[in-house]
């Protein structure tokens, strides 16, 4: 699908433009409809996995985690929409809807799994740093290491998507 037609008449491909606009609207609606549920799920998974490793240090409450550091006062860590994998997962789903190849469902699911797991590790790492070193260290880790980690898992997720969707090279 291309937005511009090739050939002597050129112009805008109205069908492709409509499909792109419709996909954008669907992505926004799906994101807005699922973001709170996804953030709550991410919190529950992280607290469920880290809870046994850090007993009496974590309590999940919706899209928030009450963190009780080893030294210091408890604080609240909020998983905001920008911290969640919901946006990236919806974007990958929309991207998958444009691919006509047979492997698109497998490609989309694999990429979504990479992104979702990567984000859970990032959230868990931030929370773990917060329990061990306190609130300011959680914020520093989240902003610095977490940002770099987000870039890596998004690139790996997209590369996974491409690996499944691009044609395989024929053997000679």
Foldseek 3Di string as FASTA:
>chain_A
DDQWDDDDVIDGDVVVVVLVVVLVVVLVVQLVVCLQVQLQVLQVVLCVVCCVVDPPAWDRDRNWIFGDAPDDHIDIDGCDSVLTCSSVLSVLVSVLVPAPDPQSVVLSVQLSVLLRVLSSVLVNVLSVLCRHPNDVRSVVCCPPVVVVSNVVSNVVSVVSSCVRRPDDDDDD
